[in-house]
Protein backbone atom coordinates (compact mmCIF):
# COMPACT_ATOMS: atom_id res chain seq x y z
CA UNK A 1 -13.09 8.54 -2.79
CA UNK A 2 -12.07 8.50 0.86
CA UNK A 3 -12.45 4.71 0.79
CA UNK A 4 -9.78 4.45 -1.91
CA UNK A 5 -7.47 6.79 -0.01
CA UNK A 6 -8.10 4.84 3.21
CA UNK A 7 -7.30 1.53 1.50
CA UNK A 8 -4.21 3.10 -0.04
CA UNK A 9 -3.08 4.16 3.44
CA UNK A 10 -3.76 0.75 5.00
CA UNK A 11 -2.01 -1.12 2.19
CA UNK A 12 1.29 0.55 2.95
CA UNK A 13 1.43 -1.20 6.31
CA UNK A 14 0.66 -4.55 4.76
CA UNK A 15 3.47 -3.94 2.27
CA UNK A 16 5.86 -3.10 5.12
CA UNK A 17 4.92 -6.29 6.98
CA UNK A 18 5.41 -8.47 3.89
CA UNK A 19 8.66 -6.66 3.04
CA UNK A 20 10.06 -7.29 6.53
CA UNK A 21 9.03 -10.95 6.40
CA UNK A 22 10.56 -11.29 2.93
CA UNK A 23 13.78 -9.58 3.94
CA UNK A 24 14.19 -11.86 6.95
CA UNK A 25 13.30 -15.02 4.99
CA UNK A 26 15.53 -14.15 2.04
CA UNK A 27 18.46 -13.21 4.28
CA UNK A 28 18.19 -16.54 6.10
CA UNK A 29 17.84 -18.42 2.82
CA UNK A 30 20.85 -16.65 1.34
CA UNK A 31 23.07 -17.14 4.39
CA UNK A 32 22.12 -20.82 4.84
CA UNK A 33 22.22 -21.57 1.10
CA UNK A 34 18.70 -22.99 1.25
CA UNK A 35 16.62 -24.10 -1.71
CA UNK A 36 14.31 -21.40 -3.12
CA UNK A 37 10.96 -23.00 -2.33
CA UNK A 38 7.38 -22.36 -3.48
CA UNK A 39 6.88 -20.48 -0.18
CA UNK A 40 9.72 -18.15 -1.14
CA UNK A 41 8.22 -17.67 -4.58
CA UNK A 42 4.86 -16.95 -2.94
CA UNK A 43 6.44 -14.33 -0.71
CA UNK A 44 8.06 -12.71 -3.75
CA UNK A 45 4.74 -12.76 -5.61
CA UNK A 46 2.85 -11.41 -2.59
CA UNK A 47 5.27 -8.49 -2.30
CA UNK A 48 5.08 -7.51 -5.96
CA UNK A 49 1.33 -8.14 -6.06
CA UNK A 50 0.71 -5.87 -3.07
CA UNK A 51 2.85 -3.19 -4.71
CA UNK A 52 0.76 -3.56 -7.88
CA UNK A 53 -2.49 -3.22 -5.94
CA UNK A 54 -1.12 -0.19 -4.11
CA UNK A 55 -0.20 1.43 -7.43
CA UNK A 56 -3.67 0.69 -8.80
CA UNK A 57 -5.32 2.33 -5.77
CA UNK A 58 -2.94 5.28 -6.08
CA UNK A 59 -3.70 5.74 -9.78
CA UNK A 60 -7.46 5.58 -9.16
CA UNK A 61 -7.16 8.19 -6.44
CA UNK A 62 -4.77 10.34 -8.48
CA UNK A 63 -7.01 10.56 -11.54
CA UNK A 64 -10.34 10.63 -9.75
CA UNK A 65 -9.25 13.35 -7.34
CA UNK A 66 -7.44 15.29 -10.05
CA UNK A 67 -10.34 15.28 -12.49
CA UNK A 68 -13.29 15.51 -10.09
CA UNK A 69 -12.02 18.31 -7.85
CA UNK A 70 -10.45 21.73 -8.21
CA UNK A 71 -7.12 20.33 -6.95
CA UNK A 72 -6.06 19.15 -10.38
CA UNK A 73 -2.66 17.55 -10.75
CA UNK A 74 -0.09 19.35 -8.60
CA UNK A 75 3.56 18.61 -9.34
CA UNK A 76 4.20 16.84 -6.02
CA UNK A 77 1.46 14.29 -6.77
CA UNK A 78 2.78 13.69 -10.27
CA UNK A 79 6.28 13.18 -8.85
CA UNK A 80 4.93 10.77 -6.23
CA UNK A 81 3.06 8.80 -8.89
CA UNK A 82 6.08 8.53 -11.21
CA UNK A 83 8.41 7.41 -8.42
CA UNK A 84 5.91 4.82 -7.21
CA UNK A 85 5.51 3.46 -10.75
CA UNK A 86 9.30 3.06 -10.79
CA UNK A 87 9.07 1.22 -7.44
CA UNK A 88 6.53 -1.17 -8.98
CA UNK A 89 8.89 -1.90 -11.87
CA UNK A 90 11.76 -2.53 -9.44
CA UNK A 91 9.57 -4.88 -7.38
CA UNK A 92 9.11 -7.07 -10.46
CA UNK A 93 12.80 -7.35 -11.39
CA UNK A 94 13.19 -10.58 -9.44
CA UNK A 95 11.56 -12.39 -12.37
CA UNK A 96 14.80 -11.81 -14.30
CA UNK A 97 16.75 -14.42 -12.33
CA UNK A 98 14.31 -17.28 -11.92
CA UNK A 99 16.95 -19.58 -13.40
CA UNK A 100 19.82 -18.54 -11.14
CA UNK A 101 21.14 -20.84 -8.47
CA UNK A 102 19.15 -20.58 -5.25
CA UNK A 103 21.74 -18.70 -3.18
CA UNK A 104 22.01 -15.95 -5.79
CA UNK A 105 18.26 -15.89 -6.23
CA UNK A 106 17.77 -15.29 -2.49
CA UNK A 107 20.41 -12.54 -2.51
CA UNK A 108 19.06 -10.77 -5.58
CA UNK A 109 15.46 -10.97 -4.42
CA UNK A 110 16.47 -9.58 -1.02
CA UNK A 111 18.16 -6.67 -2.77
CA UNK A 112 15.03 -6.06 -4.86
CA UNK A 113 12.85 -5.87 -1.74
CA UNK A 114 15.28 -3.44 -0.09
CA UNK A 115 15.71 -1.37 -3.26
CA UNK A 116 11.95 -1.19 -3.75
CA UNK A 117 11.54 0.11 -0.20
CA UNK A 118 14.24 2.73 -0.80
CA UNK A 119 12.45 3.94 -3.95
CA UNK A 120 9.16 4.00 -2.03
CA UNK A 121 10.72 6.11 0.73
CA UNK A 122 11.96 8.53 -1.90
CA UNK A 123 8.47 8.65 -3.38
CA UNK A 124 7.00 9.44 0.00
CA UNK A 125 9.31 12.44 0.31
CA UNK A 126 7.64 13.83 -2.82
CA UNK A 127 4.40 14.16 -0.85
CA UNK A 128 5.94 16.45 1.75
CA UNK A 129 6.24 19.34 -0.66
């Protein structure tokens, strides 16, 4: 189970790197009124996909550790899980404006990345009970 927890810990840094890259790229695209390209769509998909994988690892660890040990399901872990599930939903909201003009699509997707990171930070505070 330590492998899952280790992967879960490593994934957070990959998410941060992709989020920073996305924030920079989407800010530039928004400010320069660029065309939303397949690369931009790939960056959006990579971000939400990494969040999904992180949630999957977290759920595996949560249930495995909760059922297989005496730890059970303490409230702080349940809170962390719920907040991170909300973060995953937020990360996928960019799909709602695929048909918007490119400038608005860059802006909205940038806000989704930032909002997702804010929700994640809140979820991390749940672990420091």
